Protein backbone atom coordinates (compact mmCIF):
# COMPACT_ATOMS: atom_id res chain seq x y z
CA UNK A 1 -37.43 -49.82 -35.04
CA UNK A 2 -37.11 -47.81 -31.84
CA UNK A 3 -36.83 -44.06 -32.28
CA UNK A 4 -35.54 -43.49 -28.77
CA UNK A 5 -32.15 -41.80 -28.66
CA UNK A 6 -29.31 -43.30 -26.65
CA UNK A 7 -28.89 -41.32 -23.41
CA UNK A 8 -25.61 -39.51 -22.94
CA UNK A 9 -23.48 -39.60 -19.81
CA UNK A 10 -21.13 -36.84 -18.70
CA UNK A 11 -19.43 -35.67 -15.53
CA UNK A 12 -16.53 -33.84 -13.94
CA UNK A 13 -13.51 -35.62 -12.46
CA UNK A 14 -11.02 -33.73 -10.27
CA UNK A 15 -7.41 -34.94 -10.29
CA UNK A 16 -5.76 -33.91 -7.00
CA UNK A 17 -2.55 -34.67 -5.16
CA UNK A 18 0.76 -33.31 -3.93
CA UNK A 19 3.17 -31.64 -6.35
CA UNK A 20 5.11 -33.96 -8.64
CA UNK A 21 3.08 -37.16 -8.14
CA UNK A 22 2.19 -37.44 -11.84
CA UNK A 23 -1.23 -35.78 -12.09
CA UNK A 24 -0.53 -34.01 -15.37
CA UNK A 25 1.10 -37.09 -16.89
CA UNK A 26 -1.99 -39.11 -15.97
CA UNK A 27 -4.26 -36.54 -17.61
CA UNK A 28 -2.21 -36.32 -20.80
CA UNK A 29 -2.17 -40.12 -21.17
CA UNK A 30 -5.93 -40.26 -20.50
CA UNK A 31 -6.55 -37.79 -23.31
CA UNK A 32 -3.95 -39.08 -25.74
CA UNK A 33 -2.76 -35.51 -26.23
CA UNK A 34 -0.77 -33.06 -24.14
CA UNK A 35 -2.92 -30.41 -22.47
CA UNK A 36 -1.12 -30.05 -19.11
CA UNK A 37 2.50 -28.93 -18.58
CA UNK A 38 4.96 -31.48 -17.19
CA UNK A 39 8.38 -31.02 -15.61
CA UNK A 40 10.25 -32.76 -12.82
CA UNK A 41 9.78 -29.65 -10.68
CA UNK A 42 6.92 -29.21 -8.21
CA UNK A 43 4.16 -26.68 -8.86
CA UNK A 44 4.42 -26.82 -12.64
CA UNK A 45 0.61 -26.74 -12.89
CA UNK A 46 -0.73 -23.44 -11.57
CA UNK A 47 -4.26 -23.29 -12.97
CA UNK A 48 -6.98 -25.89 -13.09
CA UNK A 49 -6.55 -27.38 -16.57
CA UNK A 50 -9.64 -29.00 -18.10
CA UNK A 51 -9.20 -31.92 -20.45
CA UNK A 52 -12.18 -33.46 -22.23
CA UNK A 53 -12.44 -37.07 -23.36
CA UNK A 54 -15.44 -38.31 -25.35
CA UNK A 55 -16.14 -41.89 -26.39
CA UNK A 56 -19.47 -42.86 -27.90
CA UNK A 57 -22.28 -41.55 -25.73
CA UNK A 58 -20.02 -40.78 -22.74
CA UNK A 59 -17.89 -37.75 -21.92
CA UNK A 60 -15.53 -36.96 -19.03
CA UNK A 61 -14.29 -33.50 -18.13
CA UNK A 62 -11.04 -33.95 -16.21
CA UNK A 63 -9.80 -31.08 -14.05
CA UNK A 64 -6.05 -31.23 -13.40
CA UNK A 65 -5.30 -29.17 -10.30
CA UNK A 66 -2.13 -27.57 -8.91
CA UNK A 67 -0.19 -29.62 -6.39
CA UNK A 68 -1.48 -29.36 -2.81
CA UNK A 69 0.98 -27.34 -0.72
CA UNK A 70 1.17 -24.68 1.98
CA UNK A 71 0.93 -21.36 0.11
CA UNK A 72 3.70 -18.82 0.72
CA UNK A 73 2.46 -15.99 -1.50
CA UNK A 74 -0.61 -14.77 -3.39
CA UNK A 75 0.15 -17.07 -6.32
CA UNK A 76 0.27 -20.07 -3.96
CA UNK A 77 -3.05 -19.01 -2.46
CA UNK A 78 -4.53 -18.78 -5.96
CA UNK A 79 -3.34 -22.33 -6.67
CA UNK A 80 -5.01 -23.71 -3.53
CA UNK A 81 -8.21 -21.86 -4.46
CA UNK A 82 -8.08 -23.66 -7.82
CA UNK A 83 -8.19 -26.98 -5.97
CA UNK A 84 -11.13 -25.91 -3.81
CA UNK A 85 -13.01 -24.75 -6.92
CA UNK A 86 -12.34 -28.06 -8.67
CA UNK A 87 -13.84 -29.99 -5.74
CA UNK A 88 -17.17 -28.17 -6.01
CA UNK A 89 -19.96 -30.00 -7.86
CA UNK A 90 -17.64 -32.81 -8.89
CA UNK A 91 -18.75 -36.34 -9.80
CA UNK A 92 -15.54 -38.19 -8.96
CA UNK A 93 -12.18 -37.42 -7.34
CA UNK A 94 -8.91 -39.11 -8.29
CA UNK A 95 -6.42 -38.66 -5.46
CA UNK A 96 -3.07 -39.37 -7.08
CA UNK A 97 -0.31 -40.50 -4.71
CA UNK A 98 3.31 -41.55 -5.23
CA UNK A 99 3.76 -45.18 -4.19
CA UNK A 100 7.52 -44.73 -3.91
CA UNK A 101 7.03 -42.79 -0.69
CA UNK A 102 4.87 -42.98 2.44
CA UNK A 103 2.39 -40.18 3.19
CA UNK A 104 3.70 -36.79 4.32
CA UNK A 105 2.01 -34.03 6.35
CA UNK A 106 0.89 -32.50 3.03
CA UNK A 107 -0.88 -35.76 2.18
CA UNK A 108 -2.55 -35.72 5.58
CA UNK A 109 -3.72 -32.13 5.03
CA UNK A 110 -5.16 -33.01 1.63
CA UNK A 111 -6.85 -36.14 2.98
CA UNK A 112 -8.50 -34.00 5.65
CA UNK A 113 -9.73 -31.63 2.93
CA UNK A 114 -11.12 -34.54 0.93
CA UNK A 115 -13.08 -35.85 3.93
CA UNK A 116 -15.65 -33.13 3.27
CA UNK A 117 -16.15 -33.93 -0.41
CA UNK A 118 -19.48 -35.55 -1.31
CA UNK A 119 -18.26 -37.23 -4.49
CA UNK A 120 -16.73 -40.73 -4.58
CA UNK A 121 -12.95 -40.78 -4.18
CA UNK A 122 -10.56 -43.21 -5.86
CA UNK A 123 -6.96 -43.37 -4.66
CA UNK A 124 -4.65 -43.75 -7.66
CA UNK A 125 -1.25 -45.04 -6.60
CA UNK A 126 1.17 -43.89 -9.29
CA UNK A 127 4.81 -44.81 -10.09
CA UNK A 128 4.35 -48.41 -9.00
CA UNK A 129 7.12 -49.40 -11.41
CA UNK A 130 9.69 -47.64 -9.20
CA UNK A 131 8.16 -48.42 -5.79
CA UNK A 132 9.93 -50.87 -3.44
CA UNK A 133 6.99 -51.34 -1.07
CA UNK A 134 3.87 -50.32 -3.02
CA UNK A 135 1.36 -52.26 -0.93
CA UNK A 136 2.59 -50.80 2.35
CA UNK A 137 2.47 -47.32 0.85
CA UNK A 138 -1.06 -47.81 -0.50
CA UNK A 139 -2.25 -49.09 2.87
CA UNK A 140 -0.82 -45.99 4.54
CA UNK A 141 -2.61 -43.67 2.09
CA UNK A 142 -5.84 -45.64 2.40
CA UNK A 143 -5.69 -45.27 6.19
CA UNK A 144 -5.78 -41.48 5.74
CA UNK A 145 -9.00 -41.70 3.74
CA UNK A 146 -11.08 -44.69 4.89
CA UNK A 147 -14.06 -43.58 2.79
CA UNK A 148 -12.16 -43.94 -0.50
CA UNK A 149 -14.10 -46.33 -2.72
CA UNK A 150 -11.22 -47.78 -4.71
CA UNK A 151 -7.44 -48.24 -4.53
CA UNK A 152 -5.80 -48.35 -7.97
CA UNK A 153 -2.14 -49.03 -8.70
CA UNK A 154 -0.45 -48.05 -11.97
CA UNK A 155 2.39 -46.25 -13.70
CA UNK A 156 1.03 -43.40 -15.81
CA UNK A 157 4.37 -42.98 -17.57
CA UNK A 158 5.33 -46.62 -18.16
CA UNK A 159 1.99 -48.44 -18.53
CA UNK A 160 -0.52 -46.49 -20.65
CA UNK A 161 -2.77 -49.56 -20.99
CA UNK A 162 -3.45 -49.39 -17.25
CA UNK A 163 -4.41 -45.73 -17.67
CA UNK A 164 -6.76 -46.61 -20.54
CA UNK A 165 -8.45 -49.25 -18.37
CA UNK A 166 -8.92 -46.65 -15.65
CA UNK A 167 -10.35 -44.25 -18.23
CA UNK A 168 -12.95 -46.83 -19.28
CA UNK A 169 -13.99 -47.34 -15.66
CA UNK A 170 -14.32 -43.58 -15.21
CA UNK A 171 -16.49 -43.32 -18.33
CA UNK A 172 -18.83 -45.97 -16.93
CA UNK A 173 -19.08 -44.08 -13.62
CA UNK A 174 -20.39 -40.87 -15.19
CA UNK A 175 -24.04 -39.91 -14.58
CA UNK A 176 -26.64 -39.46 -17.28
CA UNK A 177 -26.26 -35.90 -18.53
CA UNK A 178 -25.94 -33.88 -21.72
CA UNK A 179 -22.39 -33.34 -22.98
CA UNK A 180 -20.75 -30.16 -21.72
CA UNK A 181 -18.38 -29.81 -24.69
CA UNK A 182 -18.40 -30.63 -28.42
CA UNK A 183 -17.06 -34.12 -29.14
CA UNK A 184 -13.95 -32.84 -30.97
CA UNK A 185 -12.73 -30.61 -28.11
CA UNK A 186 -9.89 -31.90 -25.91
CA UNK A 187 -9.27 -28.84 -23.69
CA UNK A 188 -10.95 -25.59 -22.73
CA UNK A 189 -7.65 -23.68 -22.85
CA UNK A 190 -7.17 -20.96 -25.43
CA UNK A 191 -4.30 -21.62 -27.80
CA UNK A 192 -2.50 -18.55 -26.40
CA UNK A 193 -2.63 -19.93 -22.88
CA UNK A 194 -1.58 -23.38 -24.08
CA UNK A 195 1.42 -21.99 -25.97
CA UNK A 196 2.45 -19.86 -22.98
CA UNK A 197 2.40 -22.97 -20.79
CA UNK A 198 4.67 -24.76 -23.28
CA UNK A 199 7.17 -21.90 -23.03
CA UNK A 200 6.98 -21.86 -19.22
CA UNK A 201 7.37 -25.64 -19.07
CA UNK A 202 10.58 -25.54 -21.09
CA UNK A 203 11.96 -22.64 -19.05
CA UNK A 204 11.24 -24.49 -15.81
CA UNK A 205 12.92 -27.62 -17.13
CA UNK A 206 16.12 -25.88 -18.23
CA UNK A 207 16.75 -23.27 -15.55
CA UNK A 208 18.52 -23.43 -12.19
CA UNK A 209 16.78 -24.39 -8.94
CA UNK A 210 16.08 -20.91 -7.63
CA UNK A 211 14.58 -19.51 -10.82
CA UNK A 212 11.65 -21.68 -12.06
CA UNK A 213 9.11 -20.84 -9.36
CA UNK A 214 9.30 -17.11 -10.11
CA UNK A 215 8.71 -17.57 -13.85
CA UNK A 216 5.51 -16.90 -15.77
CA UNK A 217 4.88 -16.70 -19.50
CA UNK A 218 2.30 -15.13 -21.76
CA UNK A 219 1.72 -14.90 -25.50
CA UNK A 220 1.48 -11.30 -26.70
CA UNK A 221 1.04 -11.90 -30.44
CA UNK A 222 -0.01 -14.81 -32.66
CA UNK A 223 -0.26 -14.49 -36.41
CA UNK A 224 -0.68 -17.07 -39.13
CA UNK A 225 1.26 -15.81 -42.10
CA UNK A 226 0.62 -16.48 -45.79
CA UNK A 227 3.26 -19.20 -46.03
CA UNK A 228 1.51 -21.19 -43.27
CA UNK A 229 4.09 -20.32 -40.61
CA UNK A 230 2.68 -19.59 -37.16
CA UNK A 231 4.37 -16.46 -35.79
CA UNK A 232 4.20 -16.41 -32.00
CA UNK A 233 5.65 -13.75 -29.73
CA UNK A 234 5.82 -14.61 -26.03
CA UNK A 235 7.17 -13.01 -22.89
CA UNK A 236 8.94 -14.85 -20.09
CA UNK A 237 8.21 -12.99 -16.85
CA UNK A 238 10.70 -12.90 -13.97
CA UNK A 239 10.85 -10.97 -10.70
CA UNK A 240 14.42 -9.61 -10.74
CA UNK A 241 16.99 -8.23 -13.14
CA UNK A 242 19.39 -10.94 -11.95
CA UNK A 243 16.88 -13.60 -12.96
CA UNK A 244 16.49 -11.95 -16.36
CA UNK A 245 20.22 -12.29 -16.97
CA UNK A 246 20.10 -15.99 -16.05
CA UNK A 247 17.12 -16.66 -18.34
CA UNK A 248 18.88 -14.94 -21.24
CA UNK A 249 22.18 -16.68 -20.49
CA UNK A 250 25.66 -16.01 -21.80
CA UNK A 251 25.41 -14.64 -25.30
CA UNK A 252 21.66 -15.34 -25.25
CA UNK A 253 22.34 -19.07 -25.15
CA UNK A 254 19.80 -20.08 -22.51
CA UNK A 255 16.96 -18.08 -24.06
CA UNK A 256 17.81 -19.60 -27.44
CA UNK A 257 17.69 -23.11 -25.95
CA UNK A 258 14.33 -22.45 -24.27
CA UNK A 259 13.00 -21.16 -27.58
CA UNK A 260 14.26 -24.15 -29.54
CA UNK A 261 12.72 -26.69 -27.17
CA UNK A 262 9.41 -24.80 -26.95
CA UNK A 263 9.25 -24.43 -30.74
CA UNK A 264 9.70 -28.20 -31.19
CA UNK A 265 6.75 -28.85 -28.88
CA UNK A 266 4.59 -26.22 -30.57
CA UNK A 267 5.34 -27.54 -34.06
CA UNK A 268 4.64 -31.10 -32.96
CA UNK A 269 1.17 -30.29 -31.69
CA UNK A 270 0.21 -27.59 -34.21
CA UNK A 271 1.41 -29.61 -37.18
CA UNK A 272 2.91 -26.54 -38.83
CA UNK A 273 6.13 -24.55 -38.82
CA UNK A 274 6.47 -22.07 -35.96
CA UNK A 275 8.52 -18.91 -35.66
CA UNK A 276 8.80 -18.25 -31.93
CA UNK A 277 10.11 -14.94 -30.64
CA UNK A 278 10.89 -14.80 -26.92
CA UNK A 279 11.59 -11.75 -24.79
CA UNK A 280 12.26 -11.57 -21.05
CA UNK A 281 10.41 -9.01 -18.94
CA UNK A 282 10.90 -8.06 -15.28
CA UNK A 283 7.78 -7.64 -13.11
CA UNK A 284 9.09 -7.15 -9.55
CA UNK A 285 7.51 -9.52 -6.99
CA UNK A 286 4.69 -10.42 -9.37
CA UNK A 287 3.72 -13.47 -7.29
CA UNK A 288 2.69 -11.15 -4.44
CA UNK A 289 1.17 -8.37 -6.55
CA UNK A 290 -2.61 -8.78 -7.11
CA UNK A 291 -2.52 -6.45 -10.11
CA UNK A 292 0.32 -8.38 -11.77
CA UNK A 293 -1.42 -11.69 -11.04
CA UNK A 294 -4.59 -10.44 -12.71
CA UNK A 295 -2.56 -9.24 -15.69
CA UNK A 296 -0.99 -12.70 -16.02
CA UNK A 297 -4.33 -14.50 -15.70
CA UNK A 298 -3.93 -15.83 -12.15
CA UNK A 299 -6.95 -14.07 -10.67
């Protein structure tokens, strides 16, 4: 009997694209568990979120990046830096595009950035289920990046089997390497950061147009009590007193709704009862304040 061990394969895969094309949905379906926040609003993802998938002797470390955009403040600059960091020493790039629409100047800018990446690039055309002219759209995206190795069409939300097939192909493309993470780990996020993102996701989903982009969240206390209840205290950060009033809502109704929806998500994934206490704090112009950004984990 051979005593040789089976070699392991592992690599990093960057998921890039414009805001709201379905990058985080794709990652969550790949992993079979939610690690990245999802809303219908652009720029929900602000940090590079790592999700780890292991099958047999192969492991993939996916890096979900913020949506590519023209930064307007220090937070936006931080988000673009997250994309640049993700593209360093990467083994594969998935450029996710929305097949419902033709390329925009933002797509052209990102394609130009990807021209300098050494790793193979696969164009993943998402939302094909709702696209009227998917082939024309894919041809237009492919023309922006002639060196892309593959053109893949799927619906991350409606056709998980297509995502699983893509996942298997990605696993096979990984180089021989030791695993970077234990086999039972699905994300490198701390539970505090993960819970804060759940709170921010629900706030972004429920609040008016002008508010979500100036919202941050952080967990300030987490305690597991004797009865098995997870006690979590979190702050929702806004830039103005007027925004604070909107987040709280009439009679505290909006804050209560945010808390209820976030608690449901937390209980679902933690598998235990959660007591979630939310408070709203004003940090004036935090998106432009380097000190505030560091305090909130964006530096």
